[in-house]
Amino acid sequence: IAFGEQDGFDLVFECTGAEPCIQMSI
C-alpha cells in the first residue's frame, strides 16, 4: 500500500534468508 503497488511486483528478490521475509516475498 505504501508503495502504491497493491497487486504486487512483477519480480521479487528475497535477499535475507529470514523466514518471515521468505513468507512476505510470496
mmCIF file of all heavy atoms, coordinates in Angstrom:
data_MODEL
# 
_entry.id   MODEL 
# 
loop_
_atom_site.group_PDB 
_atom_site.id 
_atom_site.type_symbol 
_atom_site.label_atom_id 
_atom_site.label_alt_id 
_atom_site.label_comp_id 
_atom_site.label_asym_id 
_atom_site.label_entity_id 
_atom_site.label_seq_id 
_atom_site.pdbx_PDB_ins_code 
_atom_site.Cartn_x 
_atom_site.Cartn_y 
_atom_site.Cartn_z 
_atom_site.occupancy 
_atom_site.B_iso_or_equiv 
_atom_site.pdbx_formal_charge 
_atom_site.auth_seq_id 
_atom_site.auth_comp_id 
_atom_site.auth_asym_id 
_atom_site.auth_atom_id 
_atom_site.pdbx_PDB_model_num 
ATOM 1   N N   . ILE A 1 1  ? 0.843  -1.204  0.000   1.00 0.00 ? 1  ILE A N   1 
ATOM 2   C CA  . ILE A 1 1  ? 0.000  0.000   0.000   1.00 0.00 ? 1  ILE A CA  1 
ATOM 3   C C   . ILE A 1 1  ? 0.874  1.248   0.000   1.00 0.00 ? 1  ILE A C   1 
ATOM 4   O O   . ILE A 1 1  ? 0.621  2.211   -0.740  1.00 0.00 ? 1  ILE A O   1 
ATOM 5   C CB  . ILE A 1 1  ? -0.950 -0.009  1.218   1.00 0.00 ? 1  ILE A CB  1 
ATOM 6   C CG1 . ILE A 1 1  ? -1.995 -1.119  1.067   1.00 0.00 ? 1  ILE A CG1 1 
ATOM 7   C CG2 . ILE A 1 1  ? -1.618 1.347   1.396   1.00 0.00 ? 1  ILE A CG2 1 
ATOM 8   C CD1 . ILE A 1 1  ? -2.857 -1.325  2.288   1.00 0.00 ? 1  ILE A CD1 1 
ATOM 9   N N   . ALA A 1 2  ? 1.923  1.243   0.822   1.00 0.00 ? 2  ALA A N   1 
ATOM 10  C CA  . ALA A 1 2  ? 2.828  2.392   0.876   1.00 0.00 ? 2  ALA A CA  1 
ATOM 11  C C   . ALA A 1 2  ? 3.509  2.630   -0.472  1.00 0.00 ? 2  ALA A C   1 
ATOM 12  O O   . ALA A 1 2  ? 3.746  3.776   -0.869  1.00 0.00 ? 2  ALA A O   1 
ATOM 13  C CB  . ALA A 1 2  ? 3.877  2.165   1.968   1.00 0.00 ? 2  ALA A CB  1 
ATOM 14  N N   . PHE A 1 3  ? 3.807  1.559   -1.185  1.00 0.00 ? 3  PHE A N   1 
ATOM 15  C CA  . PHE A 1 3  ? 4.447  1.685   -2.496  1.00 0.00 ? 3  PHE A CA  1 
ATOM 16  C C   . PHE A 1 3  ? 3.439  1.998   -3.604  1.00 0.00 ? 3  PHE A C   1 
ATOM 17  O O   . PHE A 1 3  ? 3.839  2.312   -4.729  1.00 0.00 ? 3  PHE A O   1 
ATOM 18  C CB  . PHE A 1 3  ? 5.181  0.386   -2.859  1.00 0.00 ? 3  PHE A CB  1 
ATOM 19  C CG  . PHE A 1 3  ? 6.379  0.090   -2.005  1.00 0.00 ? 3  PHE A CG  1 
ATOM 20  C CD1 . PHE A 1 3  ? 6.681  -1.219  -1.632  1.00 0.00 ? 3  PHE A CD1 1 
ATOM 21  C CD2 . PHE A 1 3  ? 7.235  1.104   -1.588  1.00 0.00 ? 3  PHE A CD2 1 
ATOM 22  C CE1 . PHE A 1 3  ? 7.791  -1.509  -0.856  1.00 0.00 ? 3  PHE A CE1 1 
ATOM 23  C CE2 . PHE A 1 3  ? 8.348  0.819   -0.806  1.00 0.00 ? 3  PHE A CE2 1 
ATOM 24  C CZ  . PHE A 1 3  ? 8.633  -0.483  -0.437  1.00 0.00 ? 3  PHE A CZ  1 
ATOM 25  N N   . GLY A 1 4  ? 2.145  1.863   -3.313  1.00 0.00 ? 4  GLY A N   1 
ATOM 26  C CA  . GLY A 1 4  ? 1.135  2.040   -4.356  1.00 0.00 ? 4  GLY A CA  1 
ATOM 27  C C   . GLY A 1 4  ? 1.103  0.889   -5.329  1.00 0.00 ? 4  GLY A C   1 
ATOM 28  O O   . GLY A 1 4  ? 0.750  1.047   -6.498  1.00 0.00 ? 4  GLY A O   1 
ATOM 29  N N   . GLU A 1 5  ? 1.498  -0.293  -4.859  1.00 0.00 ? 5  GLU A N   1 
ATOM 30  C CA  . GLU A 1 5  ? 1.553  -1.497  -5.700  1.00 0.00 ? 5  GLU A CA  1 
ATOM 31  C C   . GLU A 1 5  ? 0.736  -2.606  -5.030  1.00 0.00 ? 5  GLU A C   1 
ATOM 32  O O   . GLU A 1 5  ? 1.232  -3.701  -4.759  1.00 0.00 ? 5  GLU A O   1 
ATOM 33  C CB  . GLU A 1 5  ? 3.003  -1.955  -5.884  1.00 0.00 ? 5  GLU A CB  1 
ATOM 34  C CG  . GLU A 1 5  ? 3.909  -0.958  -6.566  1.00 0.00 ? 5  GLU A CG  1 
ATOM 35  C CD  . GLU A 1 5  ? 3.724  -0.904  -8.080  1.00 0.00 ? 5  GLU A CD  1 
ATOM 36  O OE1 . GLU A 1 5  ? 2.930  -1.711  -8.612  1.00 0.00 ? 5  GLU A OE1 1 
ATOM 37  O OE2 . GLU A 1 5  ? 4.368  -0.050  -8.717  1.00 0.00 ? 5  GLU A OE2 1 
ATOM 38  N N   . GLN A 1 6  ? -0.550 -2.326  -4.774  1.00 0.00 ? 6  GLN A N   1 
ATOM 39  C CA  . GLN A 1 6  ? -1.366 -3.269  -4.010  1.00 0.00 ? 6  GLN A CA  1 
ATOM 40  C C   . GLN A 1 6  ? -1.445 -4.648  -4.643  1.00 0.00 ? 6  GLN A C   1 
ATOM 41  O O   . GLN A 1 6  ? -1.632 -5.658  -3.941  1.00 0.00 ? 6  GLN A O   1 
ATOM 42  C CB  . GLN A 1 6  ? -2.778 -2.702  -3.831  1.00 0.00 ? 6  GLN A CB  1 
ATOM 43  C CG  . GLN A 1 6  ? -2.884 -1.565  -2.825  1.00 0.00 ? 6  GLN A CG  1 
ATOM 44  C CD  . GLN A 1 6  ? -2.660 -0.198  -3.456  1.00 0.00 ? 6  GLN A CD  1 
ATOM 45  O OE1 . GLN A 1 6  ? -1.977 -0.081  -4.467  1.00 0.00 ? 6  GLN A OE1 1 
ATOM 46  N NE2 . GLN A 1 6  ? -3.234 0.837   -2.859  1.00 0.00 ? 6  GLN A NE2 1 
ATOM 47  N N   . ASP A 1 7  ? -1.303 -4.729  -5.951  1.00 0.00 ? 7  ASP A N   1 
ATOM 48  C CA  . ASP A 1 7  ? -1.375 -6.026  -6.625  1.00 0.00 ? 7  ASP A CA  1 
ATOM 49  C C   . ASP A 1 7  ? -0.056 -6.789  -6.557  1.00 0.00 ? 7  ASP A C   1 
ATOM 50  O O   . ASP A 1 7  ? 0.003  -7.974  -6.922  1.00 0.00 ? 7  ASP A O   1 
ATOM 51  C CB  . ASP A 1 7  ? -1.783 -5.852  -8.093  1.00 0.00 ? 7  ASP A CB  1 
ATOM 52  C CG  . ASP A 1 7  ? -3.224 -5.403  -8.235  1.00 0.00 ? 7  ASP A CG  1 
ATOM 53  O OD1 . ASP A 1 7  ? -4.020 -5.694  -7.321  1.00 0.00 ? 7  ASP A OD1 1 
ATOM 54  O OD2 . ASP A 1 7  ? -3.540 -4.756  -9.253  1.00 0.00 ? 7  ASP A OD2 1 
ATOM 55  N N   . GLY A 1 8  ? 1.003  -6.144  -6.116  1.00 0.00 ? 8  GLY A N   1 
ATOM 56  C CA  . GLY A 1 8  ? 2.297  -6.792  -6.017  1.00 0.00 ? 8  GLY A CA  1 
ATOM 57  C C   . GLY A 1 8  ? 3.252  -6.395  -7.125  1.00 0.00 ? 8  GLY A C   1 
ATOM 58  O O   . GLY A 1 8  ? 2.908  -5.618  -8.030  1.00 0.00 ? 8  GLY A O   1 
ATOM 59  N N   . PHE A 1 9  ? 4.471  -6.931  -7.057  1.00 0.00 ? 9  PHE A N   1 
ATOM 60  C CA  . PHE A 1 9  ? 5.527  -6.607  -8.015  1.00 0.00 ? 9  PHE A CA  1 
ATOM 61  C C   . PHE A 1 9  ? 5.736  -7.776  -8.983  1.00 0.00 ? 9  PHE A C   1 
ATOM 62  O O   . PHE A 1 9  ? 5.497  -8.932  -8.651  1.00 0.00 ? 9  PHE A O   1 
ATOM 63  C CB  . PHE A 1 9  ? 6.832  -6.318  -7.270  1.00 0.00 ? 9  PHE A CB  1 
ATOM 64  C CG  . PHE A 1 9  ? 6.840  -5.002  -6.551  1.00 0.00 ? 9  PHE A CG  1 
ATOM 65  C CD1 . PHE A 1 9  ? 6.143  -4.830  -5.361  1.00 0.00 ? 9  PHE A CD1 1 
ATOM 66  C CD2 . PHE A 1 9  ? 7.549  -3.921  -7.065  1.00 0.00 ? 9  PHE A CD2 1 
ATOM 67  C CE1 . PHE A 1 9  ? 6.158  -3.617  -4.688  1.00 0.00 ? 9  PHE A CE1 1 
ATOM 68  C CE2 . PHE A 1 9  ? 7.568  -2.693  -6.405  1.00 0.00 ? 9  PHE A CE2 1 
ATOM 69  C CZ  . PHE A 1 9  ? 6.867  -2.540  -5.217  1.00 0.00 ? 9  PHE A CZ  1 
ATOM 70  N N   . ASP A 1 10 ? 6.216  -7.438  -10.181 1.00 0.00 ? 10 ASP A N   1 
ATOM 71  C CA  . ASP A 1 10 ? 6.449  -8.473  -11.190 1.00 0.00 ? 10 ASP A CA  1 
ATOM 72  C C   . ASP A 1 10 ? 7.538  -9.447  -10.747 1.00 0.00 ? 10 ASP A C   1 
ATOM 73  O O   . ASP A 1 10 ? 7.462  -10.655 -11.006 1.00 0.00 ? 10 ASP A O   1 
ATOM 74  C CB  . ASP A 1 10 ? 6.864  -7.835  -12.519 1.00 0.00 ? 10 ASP A CB  1 
ATOM 75  C CG  . ASP A 1 10 ? 5.781  -6.944  -13.100 1.00 0.00 ? 10 ASP A CG  1 
ATOM 76  O OD1 . ASP A 1 10 ? 4.619  -7.375  -13.106 1.00 0.00 ? 10 ASP A OD1 1 
ATOM 77  O OD2 . ASP A 1 10 ? 6.115  -5.809  -13.530 1.00 0.00 ? 10 ASP A OD2 1 
ATOM 78  N N   . LEU A 1 11 ? 8.568  -8.911  -10.084 1.00 0.00 ? 11 LEU A N   1 
ATOM 79  C CA  . LEU A 1 11 ? 9.723  -9.730  -9.710  1.00 0.00 ? 11 LEU A CA  1 
ATOM 80  C C   . LEU A 1 11 ? 10.156 -9.366  -8.297  1.00 0.00 ? 11 LEU A C   1 
ATOM 81  O O   . LEU A 1 11 ? 10.256 -8.180  -7.964  1.00 0.00 ? 11 LEU A O   1 
ATOM 82  C CB  . LEU A 1 11 ? 10.877 -9.483  -10.694 1.00 0.00 ? 11 LEU A CB  1 
ATOM 83  C CG  . LEU A 1 11 ? 12.110 -10.370 -10.585 1.00 0.00 ? 11 LEU A CG  1 
ATOM 84  C CD1 . LEU A 1 11 ? 11.785 -11.801 -10.979 1.00 0.00 ? 11 LEU A CD1 1 
ATOM 85  C CD2 . LEU A 1 11 ? 13.235 -9.835  -11.476 1.00 0.00 ? 11 LEU A CD2 1 
ATOM 86  N N   . VAL A 1 12 ? 10.394 -10.382 -7.469  1.00 0.00 ? 12 VAL A N   1 
ATOM 87  C CA  . VAL A 1 12 ? 10.808 -10.160 -6.088  1.00 0.00 ? 12 VAL A CA  1 
ATOM 88  C C   . VAL A 1 12 ? 12.131 -10.871 -5.839  1.00 0.00 ? 12 VAL A C   1 
ATOM 89  O O   . VAL A 1 12 ? 12.256 -12.082 -6.071  1.00 0.00 ? 12 VAL A O   1 
ATOM 90  C CB  . VAL A 1 12 ? 9.746  -10.673 -5.089  1.00 0.00 ? 12 VAL A CB  1 
ATOM 91  C CG1 . VAL A 1 12 ? 10.220 -10.442 -3.651  1.00 0.00 ? 12 VAL A CG1 1 
ATOM 92  C CG2 . VAL A 1 12 ? 8.408  -9.989  -5.323  1.00 0.00 ? 12 VAL A CG2 1 
ATOM 93  N N   . PHE A 1 13 ? 13.133 -10.109 -5.373  1.00 0.00 ? 13 PHE A N   1 
ATOM 94  C CA  . PHE A 1 13 ? 14.408 -10.686 -4.935  1.00 0.00 ? 13 PHE A CA  1 
ATOM 95  C C   . PHE A 1 13 ? 14.368 -10.798 -3.412  1.00 0.00 ? 13 PHE A C   1 
ATOM 96  O O   . PHE A 1 13 ? 14.298 -9.768  -2.725  1.00 0.00 ? 13 PHE A O   1 
ATOM 97  C CB  . PHE A 1 13 ? 15.588 -9.793  -5.325  1.00 0.00 ? 13 PHE A CB  1 
ATOM 98  C CG  . PHE A 1 13 ? 15.966 -9.834  -6.769  1.00 0.00 ? 13 PHE A CG  1 
ATOM 99  C CD1 . PHE A 1 13 ? 15.432 -8.918  -7.677  1.00 0.00 ? 13 PHE A CD1 1 
ATOM 100 C CD2 . PHE A 1 13 ? 16.871 -10.768 -7.243  1.00 0.00 ? 13 PHE A CD2 1 
ATOM 101 C CE1 . PHE A 1 13 ? 15.791 -8.933  -9.003  1.00 0.00 ? 13 PHE A CE1 1 
ATOM 102 C CE2 . PHE A 1 13 ? 17.242 -10.798 -8.569  1.00 0.00 ? 13 PHE A CE2 1 
ATOM 103 C CZ  . PHE A 1 13 ? 16.698 -9.889  -9.459  1.00 0.00 ? 13 PHE A CZ  1 
ATOM 104 N N   . GLU A 1 14 ? 14.412 -12.002 -2.867  1.00 0.00 ? 14 GLU A N   1 
ATOM 105 C CA  . GLU A 1 14 ? 14.464 -12.193 -1.423  1.00 0.00 ? 14 GLU A CA  1 
ATOM 106 C C   . GLU A 1 14 ? 15.934 -12.414 -1.061  1.00 0.00 ? 14 GLU A C   1 
ATOM 107 O O   . GLU A 1 14 ? 16.495 -13.465 -1.331  1.00 0.00 ? 14 GLU A O   1 
ATOM 108 C CB  . GLU A 1 14 ? 13.606 -13.396 -1.019  1.00 0.00 ? 14 GLU A CB  1 
ATOM 109 C CG  . GLU A 1 14 ? 13.170 -13.375 0.442   1.00 0.00 ? 14 GLU A CG  1 
ATOM 110 C CD  . GLU A 1 14 ? 14.330 -13.359 1.412   1.00 0.00 ? 14 GLU A CD  1 
ATOM 111 O OE1 . GLU A 1 14 ? 15.096 -14.344 1.437   1.00 0.00 ? 14 GLU A OE1 1 
ATOM 112 O OE2 . GLU A 1 14 ? 14.513 -12.353 2.135   1.00 0.00 ? 14 GLU A OE2 1 
ATOM 113 N N   . CYS A 1 15 ? 16.544 -11.405 -0.440  1.00 0.00 ? 15 CYS A N   1 
ATOM 114 C CA  . CYS A 1 15 ? 17.990 -11.416 -0.213  1.00 0.00 ? 15 CYS A CA  1 
ATOM 115 C C   . CYS A 1 15 ? 18.370 -11.512 1.256   1.00 0.00 ? 15 CYS A C   1 
ATOM 116 O O   . CYS A 1 15 ? 19.498 -11.192 1.629   1.00 0.00 ? 15 CYS A O   1 
ATOM 117 C CB  . CYS A 1 15 ? 18.622 -10.161 -0.828  1.00 0.00 ? 15 CYS A CB  1 
ATOM 118 S SG  . CYS A 1 15 ? 18.365 -9.994  -2.607  1.00 0.00 ? 15 CYS A SG  1 
ATOM 119 N N   . THR A 1 16 ? 17.435 -11.946 2.108   1.00 0.00 ? 16 THR A N   1 
ATOM 120 C CA  . THR A 1 16 ? 17.743 -12.024 3.537   1.00 0.00 ? 16 THR A CA  1 
ATOM 121 C C   . THR A 1 16 ? 17.886 -13.459 4.029   1.00 0.00 ? 16 THR A C   1 
ATOM 122 O O   . THR A 1 16 ? 18.694 -13.734 4.909   1.00 0.00 ? 16 THR A O   1 
ATOM 123 C CB  . THR A 1 16 ? 16.645 -11.348 4.376   1.00 0.00 ? 16 THR A CB  1 
ATOM 124 O OG1 . THR A 1 16 ? 15.456 -12.153 4.354   1.00 0.00 ? 16 THR A OG1 1 
ATOM 125 C CG2 . THR A 1 16 ? 16.324 -9.960  3.844   1.00 0.00 ? 16 THR A CG2 1 
ATOM 126 N N   . GLY A 1 17 ? 17.088 -14.368 3.500   1.00 0.00 ? 17 GLY A N   1 
ATOM 127 C CA  . GLY A 1 17 ? 17.058 -15.731 4.010   1.00 0.00 ? 17 GLY A CA  1 
ATOM 128 C C   . GLY A 1 17 ? 16.238 -15.864 5.278   1.00 0.00 ? 17 GLY A C   1 
ATOM 129 O O   . GLY A 1 17 ? 16.069 -16.968 5.799   1.00 0.00 ? 17 GLY A O   1 
ATOM 130 N N   . ALA A 1 18 ? 15.708 -14.729 5.773   1.00 0.00 ? 18 ALA A N   1 
ATOM 131 C CA  . ALA A 1 18 ? 14.909 -14.757 7.004   1.00 0.00 ? 18 ALA A CA  1 
ATOM 132 C C   . ALA A 1 18 ? 13.526 -15.338 6.698   1.00 0.00 ? 18 ALA A C   1 
ATOM 133 O O   . ALA A 1 18 ? 12.885 -14.953 5.717   1.00 0.00 ? 18 ALA A O   1 
ATOM 134 C CB  . ALA A 1 18 ? 14.777 -13.354 7.576   1.00 0.00 ? 18 ALA A CB  1 
ATOM 135 N N   . GLU A 1 19 ? 13.080 -16.231 7.553   1.00 0.00 ? 19 GLU A N   1 
ATOM 136 C CA  . GLU A 1 19 ? 11.817 -16.932 7.312   1.00 0.00 ? 19 GLU A CA  1 
ATOM 137 C C   . GLU A 1 19 ? 10.631 -15.982 7.094   1.00 0.00 ? 19 GLU A C   1 
ATOM 138 O O   . GLU A 1 19 ? 9.858  -16.172 6.146   1.00 0.00 ? 19 GLU A O   1 
ATOM 139 C CB  . GLU A 1 19 ? 11.546 -17.883 8.480   1.00 0.00 ? 19 GLU A CB  1 
ATOM 140 C CG  . GLU A 1 19 ? 10.402 -18.849 8.240   1.00 0.00 ? 19 GLU A CG  1 
ATOM 141 C CD  . GLU A 1 19 ? 10.284 -19.877 9.357   1.00 0.00 ? 19 GLU A CD  1 
ATOM 142 O OE1 . GLU A 1 19 ? 11.320 -20.202 9.982   1.00 0.00 ? 19 GLU A OE1 1 
ATOM 143 O OE2 . GLU A 1 19 ? 9.165  -20.330 9.612   1.00 0.00 ? 19 GLU A OE2 1 
ATOM 144 N N   . PRO A 1 20 ? 10.451 -14.923 7.913   1.00 0.00 ? 20 PRO A N   1 
ATOM 145 C CA  . PRO A 1 20 ? 9.325  -14.013 7.667   1.00 0.00 ? 20 PRO A CA  1 
ATOM 146 C C   . PRO A 1 20 ? 9.397  -13.327 6.306   1.00 0.00 ? 20 PRO A C   1 
ATOM 147 O O   . PRO A 1 20 ? 8.377  -13.104 5.664   1.00 0.00 ? 20 PRO A O   1 
ATOM 148 C CB  . PRO A 1 20 ? 9.432  -12.997 8.814   1.00 0.00 ? 20 PRO A CB  1 
ATOM 149 C CG  . PRO A 1 20 ? 10.199 -13.694 9.876   1.00 0.00 ? 20 PRO A CG  1 
ATOM 150 C CD  . PRO A 1 20 ? 11.171 -14.579 9.156   1.00 0.00 ? 20 PRO A CD  1 
ATOM 151 N N   . CYS A 1 21 ? 10.622 -12.993 5.869   1.00 0.00 ? 21 CYS A N   1 
ATOM 152 C CA  . CYS A 1 21 ? 10.770 -12.314 4.581   1.00 0.00 ? 21 CYS A CA  1 
ATOM 153 C C   . CYS A 1 21 ? 10.485 -13.262 3.418   1.00 0.00 ? 21 CYS A C   1 
ATOM 154 O O   . CYS A 1 21 ? 9.951  -12.852 2.393   1.00 0.00 ? 21 CYS A O   1 
ATOM 155 C CB  . CYS A 1 21 ? 12.167 -11.713 4.452   1.00 0.00 ? 21 CYS A CB  1 
ATOM 156 S SG  . CYS A 1 21 ? 12.445 -10.306 5.550   1.00 0.00 ? 21 CYS A SG  1 
ATOM 157 N N   . ILE A 1 22 ? 10.854 -14.524 3.582   1.00 0.00 ? 22 ILE A N   1 
ATOM 158 C CA  . ILE A 1 22 ? 10.512 -15.510 2.552   1.00 0.00 ? 22 ILE A CA  1 
ATOM 159 C C   . ILE A 1 22 ? 9.000  -15.612 2.434   1.00 0.00 ? 22 ILE A C   1 
ATOM 160 O O   . ILE A 1 22 ? 8.435  -15.645 1.324   1.00 0.00 ? 22 ILE A O   1 
ATOM 161 C CB  . ILE A 1 22 ? 11.138 -16.879 2.876   1.00 0.00 ? 22 ILE A CB  1 
ATOM 162 C CG1 . ILE A 1 22 ? 12.662 -16.796 2.818   1.00 0.00 ? 22 ILE A CG1 1 
ATOM 163 C CG2 . ILE A 1 22 ? 10.632 -17.953 1.910   1.00 0.00 ? 22 ILE A CG2 1 
ATOM 164 C CD1 . ILE A 1 22 ? 13.371 -18.049 3.290   1.00 0.00 ? 22 ILE A CD1 1 
ATOM 165 N N   . GLN A 1 23 ? 8.313  -15.631 3.584   1.00 0.00 ? 23 GLN A N   1 
ATOM 166 C CA  . GLN A 1 23 ? 6.852  -15.672 3.564   1.00 0.00 ? 23 GLN A CA  1 
ATOM 167 C C   . GLN A 1 23 ? 6.277  -14.415 2.923   1.00 0.00 ? 23 GLN A C   1 
ATOM 168 O O   . GLN A 1 23 ? 5.354  -14.484 2.106   1.00 0.00 ? 23 GLN A O   1 
ATOM 169 C CB  . GLN A 1 23 ? 6.337  -15.843 4.998   1.00 0.00 ? 23 GLN A CB  1 
ATOM 170 C CG  . GLN A 1 23 ? 6.711  -17.173 5.620   1.00 0.00 ? 23 GLN A CG  1 
ATOM 171 C CD  . GLN A 1 23 ? 6.536  -17.178 7.134   1.00 0.00 ? 23 GLN A CD  1 
ATOM 172 O OE1 . GLN A 1 23 ? 6.341  -16.141 7.749   1.00 0.00 ? 23 GLN A OE1 1 
ATOM 173 N NE2 . GLN A 1 23 ? 6.631  -18.371 7.727   1.00 0.00 ? 23 GLN A NE2 1 
ATOM 174 N N   . MET A 1 24 ? 6.829  -13.260 3.270   1.00 0.00 ? 24 MET A N   1 
ATOM 175 C CA  . MET A 1 24 ? 6.331  -11.998 2.715   1.00 0.00 ? 24 MET A CA  1 
ATOM 176 C C   . MET A 1 24 ? 6.583  -11.901 1.216   1.00 0.00 ? 24 MET A C   1 
ATOM 177 O O   . MET A 1 24 ? 5.781  -11.307 0.481   1.00 0.00 ? 24 MET A O   1 
ATOM 178 C CB  . MET A 1 24 ? 6.989  -10.821 3.430   1.00 0.00 ? 24 MET A CB  1 
ATOM 179 C CG  . MET A 1 24 ? 6.391  -10.530 4.790   1.00 0.00 ? 24 MET A CG  1 
ATOM 180 S SD  . MET A 1 24 ? 7.048  -9.009  5.525   1.00 0.00 ? 24 MET A SD  1 
ATOM 181 C CE  . MET A 1 24 ? 8.600  -9.603  6.171   1.00 0.00 ? 24 MET A CE  1 
ATOM 182 N N   . SER A 1 25 ? 7.711  -12.454 0.767   1.00 0.00 ? 25 SER A N   1 
ATOM 183 C CA  . SER A 1 25 ? 8.051  -12.328 -0.650  1.00 0.00 ? 25 SER A CA  1 
ATOM 184 C C   . SER A 1 25 ? 7.008  -12.969 -1.550  1.00 0.00 ? 25 SER A C   1 
ATOM 185 O O   . SER A 1 25 ? 6.734  -12.476 -2.650  1.00 0.00 ? 25 SER A O   1 
ATOM 186 C CB  . SER A 1 25 ? 9.433  -12.928 -0.920  1.00 0.00 ? 25 SER A CB  1 
ATOM 187 O OG  . SER A 1 25 ? 9.427  -14.335 -0.712  1.00 0.00 ? 25 SER A OG  1 
ATOM 188 N N   . ILE A 1 26 ? 6.410  -14.062 -1.082  1.00 0.00 ? 26 ILE A N   1 
ATOM 189 C CA  . ILE A 1 26 ? 5.371  -14.715 -1.874  1.00 0.00 ? 26 ILE A CA  1 
ATOM 190 C C   . ILE A 1 26 ? 4.186  -13.780 -2.055  1.00 0.00 ? 26 ILE A C   1 
ATOM 191 O O   . ILE A 1 26 ? 3.646  -13.620 -3.165  1.00 0.00 ? 26 ILE A O   1 
ATOM 192 C CB  . ILE A 1 26 ? 4.912  -16.029 -1.206  1.00 0.00 ? 26 ILE A CB  1 
ATOM 193 C CG1 . ILE A 1 26 ? 6.110  -16.948 -0.947  1.00 0.00 ? 26 ILE A CG1 1 
ATOM 194 C CG2 . ILE A 1 26 ? 3.856  -16.721 -2.036  1.00 0.00 ? 26 ILE A CG2 1 
ATOM 195 C CD1 . ILE A 1 26 ? 6.847  -17.374 -2.179  1.00 0.00 ? 26 ILE A CD1 1 
# 
